[in-house]
Amino acid sequence: MPEDTASADDDSSEAEGEDEARTDILRADIDPDPETAEYDLLELIADVDGREIEELPPFYTQVGHFVERLFEHPPAQEAQMQIEFSYAGHRVRLNQQGQVTLLNVKNSISSG
């Protein structure tokens, strides 16, 4: 199960008008296991959105097996490998240690 490690933008001292322009960022860790990483990532995104995994768009048609491949044969730690892609209204960044950053871009897509 993904572990939520931090949530950004919890500053309650923001002015009310700035709330709409605020960006939602979530940082979490998933197990860098090629057998479970894709499911863990989908579970994390579904949890953030408050919906079931089955309600998300097809993952493989948009992302392929890149998440699985990142962990299947990971490069040397010095490579600091990461992948980044858009999926289900989020900009997803995932590194070879299983650290995930989700940037909610739903609002910027619909208002842009």
PDB file of N, CA and C in Angstrom:
ATOM      1  N   MET A   1       0.850  -1.185   0.000  1.00  0.00           N
ATOM      2  CA  MET A   1       0.000   0.000   0.000  1.00  0.00           C
ATOM      3  C   MET A   1       0.882   1.230   0.000  1.00  0.00           C
ATOM      4  N   PRO A   2       0.567   2.222  -0.830  1.00  0.00           N
ATOM      5  CA  PRO A   2       1.362   3.432  -0.873  1.00  0.00           C
ATOM      6  C   PRO A   2       1.347   4.138   0.473  1.00  0.00           C
ATOM      7  N   GLU A   3       2.459   4.760   0.803  1.00  0.00           N
ATOM      8  CA  GLU A   3       2.572   5.462   2.061  1.00  0.00           C
ATOM      9  C   GLU A   3       2.654   6.953   1.794  1.00  0.00           C
ATOM     10  N   ASP A   4       1.699   7.719   2.329  1.00  0.00           N
ATOM     11  CA  ASP A   4       1.698   9.162   2.161  1.00  0.00           C
ATOM     12  C   ASP A   4       2.788   9.730   3.058  1.00  0.00           C
ATOM     13  N   THR A   5       3.737  10.446   2.470  1.00  0.00           N
ATOM     14  CA  THR A   5       4.842  10.953   3.259  1.00  0.00           C
ATOM     15  C   THR A   5       4.760  12.436   3.512  1.00  0.00           C
ATOM     16  N   ALA A   6       4.079  13.179   2.677  1.00  0.00           N
ATOM     17  CA  ALA A   6       3.960  14.614   2.879  1.00  0.00           C
ATOM     18  C   ALA A   6       2.908  15.163   1.941  1.00  0.00           C
ATOM     19  N   SER A   7       2.318  16.246   2.340  1.00  0.00           N
ATOM     20  CA  SER A   7       1.367  16.937   1.481  1.00  0.00           C
ATOM     21  C   SER A   7       1.726  18.408   1.501  1.00  0.00           C
ATOM     22  N   ALA A   8       1.878  18.992   0.340  1.00  0.00           N
ATOM     23  CA  ALA A   8       2.252  20.399   0.251  1.00  0.00           C
ATOM     24  C   ALA A   8       1.009  21.267   0.209  1.00  0.00           C
ATOM     25  N   ASP A   9       1.223  22.545   0.377  1.00  0.00           N
ATOM     26  CA  ASP A   9       0.174  23.548   0.258  1.00  0.00           C
ATOM     27  C   ASP A   9      -0.872  23.462   1.366  1.00  0.00           C
ATOM     28  N   ASP A  10      -0.459  23.113   2.576  1.00  0.00           N
ATOM     29  CA  ASP A  10      -1.368  23.101   3.718  1.00  0.00           C
ATOM     30  C   ASP A  10      -1.272  24.401   4.512  1.00  0.00           C
ATOM     31  N   ASP A  11      -0.714  25.451   3.945  1.00  0.00           N
ATOM     32  CA  ASP A  11      -0.512  26.711   4.637  1.00  0.00           C
ATOM     33  C   ASP A  11      -1.854  27.420   4.806  1.00  0.00           C
ATOM     34  N   SER A  12      -2.362  27.440   6.037  1.00  0.00           N
ATOM     35  CA  SER A  12      -3.663  28.028   6.298  1.00  0.00           C
ATOM     36  C   SER A  12      -3.603  29.543   6.364  1.00  0.00           C
ATOM     37  N   SER A  13      -2.411  30.145   6.273  1.00  0.00           N
ATOM     38  CA  SER A  13      -2.298  31.596   6.334  1.00  0.00           C
ATOM     39  C   SER A  13      -2.464  32.256   4.975  1.00  0.00           C
ATOM     40  N   GLU A  14      -2.780  31.481   3.936  1.00  0.00           N
ATOM     41  CA  GLU A  14      -2.974  32.038   2.605  1.00  0.00           C
ATOM     42  C   GLU A  14      -4.215  32.920   2.580  1.00  0.00           C
ATOM     43  N   ALA A  15      -4.162  33.927   1.752  1.00  0.00           N
ATOM     44  CA  ALA A  15      -5.344  34.770   1.572  1.00  0.00           C
ATOM     45  C   ALA A  15      -6.408  33.964   0.854  1.00  0.00           C
ATOM     46  N   GLU A  16      -7.675  34.277   1.100  1.00  0.00           N
ATOM     47  CA  GLU A  16      -8.761  33.503   0.518  1.00  0.00           C
ATOM     48  C   GLU A  16      -8.701  33.481  -0.998  1.00  0.00           C
ATOM     49  N   GLY A  17      -8.371  34.580  -1.643  1.00  0.00           N
ATOM     50  CA  GLY A  17      -8.318  34.655  -3.092  1.00  0.00           C
ATOM     51  C   GLY A  17      -7.239  33.785  -3.704  1.00  0.00           C
ATOM     52  N   GLU A  18      -6.220  33.429  -2.928  1.00  0.00           N
ATOM     53  CA  GLU A  18      -5.128  32.615  -3.439  1.00  0.00           C
ATOM     54  C   GLU A  18      -5.462  31.132  -3.456  1.00  0.00           C
ATOM     55  N   ASP A  19      -6.521  30.730  -2.753  1.00  0.00           N
ATOM     56  CA  ASP A  19      -6.886  29.316  -2.690  1.00  0.00           C
ATOM     57  C   ASP A  19      -7.160  28.739  -4.069  1.00  0.00           C
ATOM     58  N   GLU A  20      -7.806  29.501  -4.941  1.00  0.00           N
ATOM     59  CA  GLU A  20      -8.138  28.999  -6.265  1.00  0.00           C
ATOM     60  C   GLU A  20      -6.896  28.782  -7.118  1.00  0.00           C
ATOM     61  N   ALA A  21      -5.868  29.606  -6.939  1.00  0.00           N
ATOM     62  CA  ALA A  21      -4.647  29.504  -7.732  1.00  0.00           C
ATOM     63  C   ALA A  21      -3.668  28.493  -7.141  1.00  0.00           C
ATOM     64  N   ARG A  22      -3.990  27.942  -6.008  1.00  0.00           N
ATOM     65  CA  ARG A  22      -3.115  27.018  -5.302  1.00  0.00           C
ATOM     66  C   ARG A  22      -2.945  25.725  -6.077  1.00  0.00           C
ATOM     67  N   THR A  23      -1.754  25.172  -6.045  1.00  0.00           N
ATOM     68  CA  THR A  23      -1.456  23.917  -6.714  1.00  0.00           C
ATOM     69  C   THR A  23      -1.458  22.805  -5.676  1.00  0.00           C
ATOM     70  N   ASP A  24      -2.053  21.668  -6.016  1.00  0.00           N
ATOM     71  CA  ASP A  24      -2.093  20.537  -5.104  1.00  0.00           C
ATOM     72  C   ASP A  24      -0.988  19.565  -5.465  1.00  0.00           C
ATOM     73  N   ILE A  25      -0.096  19.316  -4.515  1.00  0.00           N
ATOM     74  CA  ILE A  25       1.015  18.397  -4.713  1.00  0.00           C
ATOM     75  C   ILE A  25       0.971  17.360  -3.601  1.00  0.00           C
ATOM     76  N   LEU A  26       1.142  16.113  -3.973  1.00  0.00           N
ATOM     77  CA  LEU A  26       1.205  15.021  -3.003  1.00  0.00           C
ATOM     78  C   LEU A  26       2.501  14.269  -3.236  1.00  0.00           C
ATOM     79  N   ARG A  27       3.188  13.964  -2.164  1.00  0.00           N
ATOM     80  CA  ARG A  27       4.387  13.134  -2.239  1.00  0.00           C
ATOM     81  C   ARG A  27       4.130  11.867  -1.439  1.00  0.00           C
ATOM     82  N   ALA A  28       4.479  10.731  -2.031  1.00  0.00           N
ATOM     83  CA  ALA A  28       4.249   9.443  -1.391  1.00  0.00           C
ATOM     84  C   ALA A  28       5.307   8.465  -1.884  1.00  0.00           C
ATOM     85  N   ASP A  29       5.388   7.333  -1.233  1.00  0.00           N
ATOM     86  CA  ASP A  29       6.300   6.262  -1.630  1.00  0.00           C
ATOM     87  C   ASP A  29       5.495   5.029  -2.004  1.00  0.00           C
ATOM     88  N   ILE A  30       5.935   4.358  -3.066  1.00  0.00           N
ATOM     89  CA  ILE A  30       5.392   3.046  -3.399  1.00  0.00           C
ATOM     90  C   ILE A  30       6.559   2.062  -3.363  1.00  0.00           C
ATOM     91  N   ASP A  31       6.233   0.798  -3.239  1.00  0.00           N
ATOM     92  CA  ASP A  31       7.255  -0.241  -3.230  1.00  0.00           C
ATOM     93  C   ASP A  31       7.825  -0.364  -4.642  1.00  0.00           C
ATOM     94  N   PRO A  32       9.142  -0.221  -4.825  1.00  0.00           N
ATOM     95  CA  PRO A  32       9.728  -0.308  -6.170  1.00  0.00           C
ATOM     96  C   PRO A  32       9.827  -1.746  -6.680  1.00  0.00           C
ATOM     97  N   ASP A  33       8.747  -2.467  -6.582  1.00  0.00           N
ATOM     98  CA  ASP A  33       8.662  -3.853  -7.028  1.00  0.00           C
ATOM     99  C   ASP A  33       7.956  -3.872  -8.378  1.00  0.00           C
ATOM    100  N   PRO A  34       8.601  -4.406  -9.428  1.00  0.00           N
ATOM    101  CA  PRO A  34       7.968  -4.386 -10.752  1.00  0.00           C
ATOM    102  C   PRO A  34       6.639  -5.129 -10.809  1.00  0.00           C
ATOM    103  N   GLU A  35       6.412  -6.049  -9.890  1.00  0.00           N
ATOM    104  CA  GLU A  35       5.167  -6.826  -9.876  1.00  0.00           C
ATOM    105  C   GLU A  35       3.984  -6.022  -9.323  1.00  0.00           C
ATOM    106  N   THR A  36       4.248  -5.051  -8.450  1.00  0.00           N
ATOM    107  CA  THR A  36       3.157  -4.346  -7.772  1.00  0.00           C
ATOM    108  C   THR A  36       3.163  -2.837  -7.964  1.00  0.00           C
ATOM    109  N   ALA A  37       4.218  -2.271  -8.520  1.00  0.00           N
ATOM    110  CA  ALA A  37       4.363  -0.807  -8.576  1.00  0.00           C
ATOM    111  C   ALA A  37       3.243  -0.125  -9.348  1.00  0.00           C
ATOM    112  N   GLU A  38       2.866  -0.677 -10.497  1.00  0.00           N
ATOM    113  CA  GLU A  38       1.802  -0.043 -11.280  1.00  0.00           C
ATOM    114  C   GLU A  38       0.489  -0.037 -10.511  1.00  0.00           C
ATOM    115  N   TYR A  39       0.149  -1.144  -9.879  1.00  0.00           N
ATOM    116  CA  TYR A  39      -1.081  -1.207  -9.092  1.00  0.00           C
ATOM    117  C   TYR A  39      -1.017  -0.219  -7.925  1.00  0.00           C
ATOM    118  N   ASP A  40       0.132  -0.173  -7.242  1.00  0.00           N
ATOM    119  CA  ASP A  40       0.276   0.756  -6.117  1.00  0.00           C
ATOM    120  C   ASP A  40       0.120   2.205  -6.566  1.00  0.00           C
ATOM    121  N   LEU A  41       0.667   2.529  -7.724  1.00  0.00           N
ATOM    122  CA  LEU A  41       0.538   3.880  -8.253  1.00  0.00           C
ATOM    123  C   LEU A  41      -0.925   4.192  -8.593  1.00  0.00           C
ATOM    124  N   LEU A  42      -1.599   3.262  -9.238  1.00  0.00           N
ATOM    125  CA  LEU A  42      -3.017   3.452  -9.552  1.00  0.00           C
ATOM    126  C   LEU A  42      -3.850   3.599  -8.286  1.00  0.00           C
ATOM    127  N   GLU A  43      -3.536   2.797  -7.285  1.00  0.00           N
ATOM    128  CA  GLU A  43      -4.241   2.876  -6.006  1.00  0.00           C
ATOM    129  C   GLU A  43      -4.049   4.251  -5.366  1.00  0.00           C
ATOM    130  N   LEU A  44      -2.838   4.774  -5.437  1.00  0.00           N
ATOM    131  CA  LEU A  44      -2.548   6.094  -4.885  1.00  0.00           C
ATOM    132  C   LEU A  44      -3.356   7.172  -5.609  1.00  0.00           C
ATOM    133  N   ILE A  45      -3.361   7.134  -6.933  1.00  0.00           N
ATOM    134  CA  ILE A  45      -4.102   8.121  -7.712  1.00  0.00           C
ATOM    135  C   ILE A  45      -5.605   8.012  -7.442  1.00  0.00           C
ATOM    136  N   ALA A  46      -6.123   6.806  -7.390  1.00  0.00           N
ATOM    137  CA  ALA A  46      -7.548   6.611  -7.101  1.00  0.00           C
ATOM    138  C   ALA A  46      -7.891   7.144  -5.713  1.00  0.00           C
ATOM    139  N   ASP A  47      -7.050   6.871  -4.722  1.00  0.00           N
ATOM    140  CA  ASP A  47      -7.292   7.368  -3.365  1.00  0.00           C
ATOM    141  C   ASP A  47      -7.312   8.892  -3.330  1.00  0.00           C
ATOM    142  N   VAL A  48      -6.367   9.515  -4.019  1.00  0.00           N
ATOM    143  CA  VAL A  48      -6.306  10.975  -4.056  1.00  0.00           C
ATOM    144  C   VAL A  48      -7.569  11.552  -4.679  1.00  0.00           C
ATOM    145  N   ASP A  49      -8.065  10.880  -5.713  1.00  0.00           N
ATOM    146  CA  ASP A  49      -9.264  11.353  -6.411  1.00  0.00           C
ATOM    147  C   ASP A  49     -10.562  10.924  -5.732  1.00  0.00           C
ATOM    148  N   GLY A  50     -10.474  10.047  -4.740  1.00  0.00           N
ATOM    149  CA  GLY A  50     -11.669   9.573  -4.056  1.00  0.00           C
ATOM    150  C   GLY A  50     -12.527   8.670  -4.919  1.00  0.00           C
ATOM    151  N   ARG A  51     -11.875   7.835  -5.719  1.00  0.00           N
ATOM    152  CA  ARG A  51     -12.629   6.899  -6.567  1.00  0.00           C
ATOM    153  C   ARG A  51     -11.930   5.546  -6.608  1.00  0.00           C
ATOM    154  N   GLU A  52     -12.580   4.600  -7.269  1.00  0.00           N
ATOM    155  CA  GLU A  52     -12.052   3.251  -7.396  1.00  0.00           C
ATOM    156  C   GLU A  52     -11.058   3.181  -8.565  1.00  0.00           C
ATOM    157  N   ILE A  53     -10.122   2.256  -8.495  1.00  0.00           N
ATOM    158  CA  ILE A  53      -9.145   2.070  -9.571  1.00  0.00           C
ATOM    159  C   ILE A  53      -9.848   1.827 -10.904  1.00  0.00           C
ATOM    160  N   GLU A  54     -10.931   1.071 -10.882  1.00  0.00           N
ATOM    161  CA  GLU A  54     -11.661   0.733 -12.102  1.00  0.00           C
ATOM    162  C   GLU A  54     -12.235   1.967 -12.794  1.00  0.00           C
ATOM    163  N   GLU A  55     -12.388   3.069 -12.070  1.00  0.00           N
ATOM    164  CA  GLU A  55     -12.935   4.298 -12.638  1.00  0.00           C
ATOM    165  C   GLU A  55     -11.871   5.152 -13.340  1.00  0.00           C
ATOM    166  N   LEU A  56     -10.602   4.797 -13.177  1.00  0.00           N
ATOM    167  CA  LEU A  56      -9.517   5.546 -13.821  1.00  0.00           C
ATOM    168  C   LEU A  56      -9.435   5.184 -15.300  1.00  0.00           C
ATOM    169  N   PRO A  57      -8.879   6.074 -16.116  1.00  0.00           N
ATOM    170  CA  PRO A  57      -8.694   5.748 -17.539  1.00  0.00           C
ATOM    171  C   PRO A  57      -7.738   4.564 -17.705  1.00  0.00           C
ATOM    172  N   PRO A  58      -7.805   3.871 -18.834  1.00  0.00           N
ATOM    173  CA  PRO A  58      -6.890   2.746 -19.062  1.00  0.00           C
ATOM    174  C   PRO A  58      -5.429   3.196 -18.948  1.00  0.00           C
ATOM    175  N   PHE A  59      -4.698   2.560 -18.077  1.00  0.00           N
ATOM    176  CA  PHE A  59      -3.313   2.955 -17.797  1.00  0.00           C
ATOM    177  C   PHE A  59      -2.376   2.577 -18.931  1.00  0.00           C
ATOM    178  N   TYR A  60      -2.496   1.359 -19.429  1.00  0.00           N
ATOM    179  CA  TYR A  60      -1.542   0.859 -20.413  1.00  0.00           C
ATOM    180  C   TYR A  60      -1.640   1.574 -21.749  1.00  0.00           C
ATOM    181  N   THR A  61      -2.829   2.047 -22.117  1.00  0.00           N
ATOM    182  CA  THR A  61      -2.947   2.753 -23.390  1.00  0.00           C
ATOM    183  C   THR A  61      -2.324   4.143 -23.314  1.00  0.00           C
ATOM    184  N   GLN A  62      -2.183   4.684 -22.103  1.00  0.00           N
ATOM    185  CA  GLN A  62      -1.608   6.014 -21.939  1.00  0.00           C
ATOM    186  C   GLN A  62      -0.144   5.983 -21.527  1.00  0.00           C
ATOM    187  N   VAL A  63       0.247   5.000 -20.725  1.00  0.00           N
ATOM    188  CA  VAL A  63       1.581   4.993 -20.141  1.00  0.00           C
ATOM    189  C   VAL A  63       2.404   3.773 -20.558  1.00  0.00           C
ATOM    190  N   GLY A  64       1.748   2.722 -20.977  1.00  0.00           N
ATOM    191  CA  GLY A  64       2.484   1.513 -21.326  1.00  0.00           C
ATOM    192  C   GLY A  64       3.038   0.836 -20.084  1.00  0.00           C
ATOM    193  N   HIS A  65       4.160   0.195 -20.230  1.00  0.00           N
ATOM    194  CA  HIS A  65       4.777  -0.544 -19.120  1.00  0.00           C
ATOM    195  C   HIS A  65       5.990   0.182 -18.546  1.00  0.00           C
ATOM    196  N   PHE A  66       6.050   1.502 -18.700  1.00  0.00           N
ATOM    197  CA  PHE A  66       7.229   2.241 -18.257  1.00  0.00           C
ATOM    198  C   PHE A  66       7.462   2.154 -16.755  1.00  0.00           C
ATOM    199  N   VAL A  67       6.393   2.151 -15.956  1.00  0.00           N
ATOM    200  CA  VAL A  67       6.547   2.048 -14.501  1.00  0.00           C
ATOM    201  C   VAL A  67       7.167   0.704 -14.149  1.00  0.00           C
ATOM    202  N   GLU A  68       6.621  -0.347 -14.691  1.00  0.00           N
ATOM    203  CA  GLU A  68       7.148  -1.702 -14.456  1.00  0.00           C
ATOM    204  C   GLU A  68       8.619  -1.787 -14.870  1.00  0.00           C
ATOM    205  N   ARG A  69       8.935  -1.249 -16.030  1.00  0.00           N
ATOM    206  CA  ARG A  69      10.308  -1.332 -16.556  1.00  0.00           C
ATOM    207  C   ARG A  69      11.299  -0.531 -15.729  1.00  0.00           C
ATOM    208  N   LEU A  70      10.841   0.563 -15.122  1.00  0.00           N
ATOM    209  CA  LEU A  70      11.722   1.356 -14.268  1.00  0.00           C
ATOM    210  C   LEU A  70      12.276   0.523 -13.120  1.00  0.00           C
ATOM    211  N   PHE A  71      11.455  -0.383 -12.602  1.00  0.00           N
ATOM    212  CA  PHE A  71      11.856  -1.186 -11.448  1.00  0.00           C
ATOM    213  C   PHE A  71      12.359  -2.576 -11.826  1.00  0.00           C
ATOM    214  N   GLU A  72      12.054  -3.039 -13.019  1.00  0.00           N
ATOM    215  CA  GLU A  72      12.472  -4.369 -13.453  1.00  0.00           C
ATOM    216  C   GLU A  72      13.992  -4.490 -13.550  1.00  0.00           C
ATOM    217  N   HIS A  73      14.608  -3.538 -14.196  1.00  0.00           N
ATOM    218  CA  HIS A  73      16.067  -3.512 -14.367  1.00  0.00           C
ATOM    219  C   HIS A  73      16.548  -2.103 -14.042  1.00  0.00           C
ATOM    220  N   PRO A  74      16.523  -1.736 -12.765  1.00  0.00           N
ATOM    221  CA  PRO A  74      16.851  -0.354 -12.417  1.00  0.00           C
ATOM    222  C   PRO A  74      18.305  -0.014 -12.742  1.00  0.00           C
ATOM    223  N   PRO A  75      18.523   1.197 -13.190  1.00  0.00           N
ATOM    224  CA  PRO A  75      19.895   1.634 -13.441  1.00  0.00           C
ATOM    225  C   PRO A  75      20.623   1.873 -12.121  1.00  0.00           C
ATOM    226  N   ALA A  76      21.901   2.175 -12.212  1.00  0.00           N
ATOM    227  CA  ALA A  76      22.680   2.483 -11.007  1.00  0.00           C
ATOM    228  C   ALA A  76      22.058   3.674 -10.288  1.00  0.00           C
ATOM    229  N   GLN A  77      22.175   3.685  -8.965  1.00  0.00           N
ATOM    230  CA  GLN A  77      21.610   4.778  -8.164  1.00  0.00           C
ATOM    231  C   GLN A  77      22.116   6.144  -8.637  1.00  0.00           C
ATOM    232  N   GLU A  78      23.363   6.182  -9.103  1.00  0.00           N
ATOM    233  CA  GLU A  78      23.952   7.444  -9.548  1.00  0.00           C
ATOM    234  C   GLU A  78      23.200   8.040 -10.744  1.00  0.00           C
ATOM    235  N   ALA A  79      22.488   7.211 -11.480  1.00  0.00           N
ATOM    236  CA  ALA A  79      21.731   7.695 -12.637  1.00  0.00           C
ATOM    237  C   ALA A  79      20.560   8.580 -12.207  1.00  0.00           C
ATOM    238  N   GLN A  80      20.076   8.387 -10.994  1.00  0.00           N
ATOM    239  CA  GLN A  80      18.942   9.142 -10.459  1.00  0.00           C
ATOM    240  C   GLN A  80      17.778   9.146 -11.458  1.00  0.00           C
ATOM    241  N   MET A  81      17.469   7.970 -11.988  1.00  0.00           N
ATOM    242  CA  MET A  81      16.439   7.811 -13.010  1.00  0.00           C
ATOM    243  C   MET A  81      15.059   8.146 -12.459  1.00  0.00           C
ATOM    244  N   GLN A  82      14.291   8.853 -13.273  1.00  0.00           N
ATOM    245  CA  GLN A  82      12.904   9.122 -12.958  1.00  0.00           C
ATOM    246  C   GLN A  82      12.126   9.229 -14.257  1.00  0.00           C
ATOM    247  N   ILE A  83      10.829   8.965 -14.165  1.00  0.00           N
ATOM    248  CA  ILE A  83       9.955   9.139 -15.307  1.00  0.00           C
ATOM    249  C   ILE A  83       8.889  10.146 -14.915  1.00  0.00           C
ATOM    250  N   GLU A  84       8.352  10.822 -15.902  1.00  0.00           N
ATOM    251  CA  GLU A  84       7.320  11.818 -15.654  1.00  0.00           C
ATOM    252  C   GLU A  84       6.314  11.753 -16.801  1.00  0.00           C
ATOM    253  N   PHE A  85       5.033  11.777 -16.447  1.00  0.00           N
ATOM    254  CA  PHE A  85       3.981  11.678 -17.447  1.00  0.00           C
ATOM    255  C   PHE A  85       2.688  12.248 -16.881  1.00  0.00           C
ATOM    256  N   SER A  86       1.746  12.520 -17.757  1.00  0.00           N
ATOM    257  CA  SER A  86       0.421  12.983 -17.346  1.00  0.00           C
ATOM    258  C   SER A  86      -0.540  11.806 -17.394  1.00  0.00           C
ATOM    259  N   TYR A  87      -1.394  11.726 -16.371  1.00  0.00           N
ATOM    260  CA  TYR A  87      -2.377  10.640 -16.308  1.00  0.00           C
ATOM    261  C   TYR A  87      -3.519  11.051 -15.393  1.00  0.00           C
ATOM    262  N   ALA A  88      -4.731  10.917 -15.865  1.00  0.00           N
ATOM    263  CA  ALA A  88      -5.956  11.098 -15.074  1.00  0.00           C
ATOM    264  C   ALA A  88      -5.988  12.435 -14.329  1.00  0.00           C
ATOM    265  N   GLY A  89      -5.543  13.499 -14.993  1.00  0.00           N
ATOM    266  CA  GLY A  89      -5.592  14.816 -14.378  1.00  0.00           C
ATOM    267  C   GLY A  89      -4.456  15.112 -13.425  1.00  0.00           C
ATOM    268  N   HIS A  90      -3.410  14.306 -13.463  1.00  0.00           N
ATOM    269  CA  HIS A  90      -2.238  14.496 -12.606  1.00  0.00           C
ATOM    270  C   HIS A  90      -0.977  14.494 -13.445  1.00  0.00           C
ATOM    271  N   ARG A  91      -0.004  15.278 -13.037  1.00  0.00           N
ATOM    272  CA  ARG A  91       1.354  15.151 -13.572  1.00  0.00           C
ATOM    273  C   ARG A  91       2.069  14.264 -12.578  1.00  0.00           C
ATOM    274  N   VAL A  92       2.549  13.117 -13.047  1.00  0.00           N
ATOM    275  CA  VAL A  92       3.129  12.081 -12.183  1.00  0.00           C
ATOM    276  C   VAL A  92       4.637  12.057 -12.394  1.00  0.00           C
ATOM    277  N   ARG A  93       5.377  12.112 -11.303  1.00  0.00           N
ATOM    278  CA  ARG A  93       6.830  11.929 -11.341  1.00  0.00           C
ATOM    279  C   ARG A  93       7.154  10.767 -10.413  1.00  0.00           C
ATOM    280  N   LEU A  94       7.932   9.818 -10.916  1.00  0.00           N
ATOM    281  CA  LEU A  94       8.268   8.612 -10.167  1.00  0.00           C
ATOM    282  C   LEU A  94       9.746   8.336 -10.354  1.00  0.00           C
ATOM    283  N   ASN A  95      10.469   8.159  -9.246  1.00  0.00           N
ATOM    284  CA  ASN A  95      11.891   7.843  -9.380  1.00  0.00           C
ATOM    285  C   ASN A  95      12.159   6.379  -9.066  1.00  0.00           C
ATOM    286  N   GLN A  96      13.397   5.952  -9.291  1.00  0.00           N
ATOM    287  CA  GLN A  96      13.739   4.538  -9.176  1.00  0.00           C
ATOM    288  C   GLN A  96      13.699   4.013  -7.746  1.00  0.00           C
ATOM    289  N   GLN A  97      13.574   4.890  -6.746  1.00  0.00           N
ATOM    290  CA  GLN A  97      13.411   4.432  -5.361  1.00  0.00           C
ATOM    291  C   GLN A  97      11.940   4.265  -4.986  1.00  0.00           C
ATOM    292  N   GLY A  98      11.031   4.623  -5.901  1.00  0.00           N
ATOM    293  CA  GLY A  98       9.605   4.498  -5.623  1.00  0.00           C
ATOM    294  C   GLY A  98       8.985   5.754  -5.047  1.00  0.00           C
ATOM    295  N   GLN A  99       9.700   6.867  -5.080  1.00  0.00           N
ATOM    296  CA  GLN A  99       9.146   8.127  -4.588  1.00  0.00           C
ATOM    297  C   GLN A  99       8.280   8.751  -5.682  1.00  0.00           C
ATOM    298  N   VAL A 100       7.045   9.077  -5.301  1.00  0.00           N
ATOM    299  CA  VAL A 100       6.055   9.594  -6.237  1.00  0.00           C
ATOM    300  C   VAL A 100       5.722  11.038  -5.877  1.00  0.00           C
ATOM    301  N   THR A 101       5.625  11.866  -6.891  1.00  0.00           N
ATOM    302  CA  THR A 101       5.090  13.218  -6.733  1.00  0.00           C
ATOM    303  C   THR A 101       3.922  13.340  -7.698  1.00  0.00           C
ATOM    304  N   LEU A 102       2.755  13.679  -7.153  1.00  0.00           N
ATOM    305  CA  LEU A 102       1.555  13.904  -7.962  1.00  0.00           C
ATOM    306  C   LEU A 102       1.220  15.381  -7.920  1.00  0.00           C
ATOM    307  N   LEU A 103       1.117  15.980  -9.085  1.00  0.00           N
ATOM    308  CA  LEU A 103       0.700  17.362  -9.214  1.00  0.00           C
ATOM    309  C   LEU A 103      -0.684  17.350  -9.842  1.00  0.00           C
ATOM    310  N   ASN A 104      -1.657  17.869  -9.122  1.00  0.00           N
ATOM    311  CA  ASN A 104      -3.027  17.913  -9.638  1.00  0.00           C
ATOM    312  C   ASN A 104      -3.100  18.998 -10.702  1.00  0.00           C
ATOM    313  N   VAL A 105      -3.349  18.595 -11.947  1.00  0.00           N
ATOM    314  CA  VAL A 105      -3.450  19.554 -13.046  1.00  0.00           C
ATOM    315  C   VAL A 105      -4.876  19.639 -13.593  1.00  0.00           C
ATOM    316  N   LYS A 106      -5.828  18.991 -12.941  1.00  0.00           N
ATOM    317  CA  LYS A 106      -7.217  19.028 -13.410  1.00  0.00           C
ATOM    318  C   LYS A 106      -7.725  20.447 -13.541  1.00  0.00           C
ATOM    319  N   ASN A 107      -7.498  21.254 -12.508  1.00  0.00           N
ATOM    320  CA  ASN A 107      -8.008  22.620 -12.516  1.00  0.00           C
ATOM    321  C   ASN A 107      -7.326  23.469 -13.569  1.00  0.00           C
ATOM    322  N   SER A 108      -6.028  23.282 -13.784  1.00  0.00           N
ATOM    323  CA  SER A 108      -5.332  24.083 -14.784  1.00  0.00           C
ATOM    324  C   SER A 108      -5.730  23.663 -16.194  1.00  0.00           C
ATOM    325  N   ILE A 109      -6.090  22.400 -16.387  1.00  0.00           N
ATOM    326  CA  ILE A 109      -6.538  21.941 -17.689  1.00  0.00           C
ATOM    327  C   ILE A 109      -7.905  22.524 -18.017  1.00  0.00           C
ATOM    328  N   SER A 110      -8.807  22.489 -17.025  1.00  0.00           N
ATOM    329  CA  SER A 110     -10.166  22.953 -17.289  1.00  0.00           C
ATOM    330  C   SER A 110     -10.245  24.479 -17.355  1.00  0.00           C
ATOM    331  N   SER A 111      -9.331  25.199 -16.698  1.00  0.00           N
ATOM    332  CA  SER A 111      -9.380  26.658 -16.736  1.00  0.00           C
ATOM    333  C   SER A 111      -8.463  27.237 -17.799  1.00  0.00           C
ATOM    334  N   GLY A 112      -7.622  26.387 -18.442  1.00  0.00           N
ATOM    335  CA  GLY A 112      -6.654  26.878 -19.416  1.00  0.00           C
ATOM    336  C   GLY A 112      -7.192  26.859 -20.762  1.00  0.00           C
TER     337      GLY A 112
END
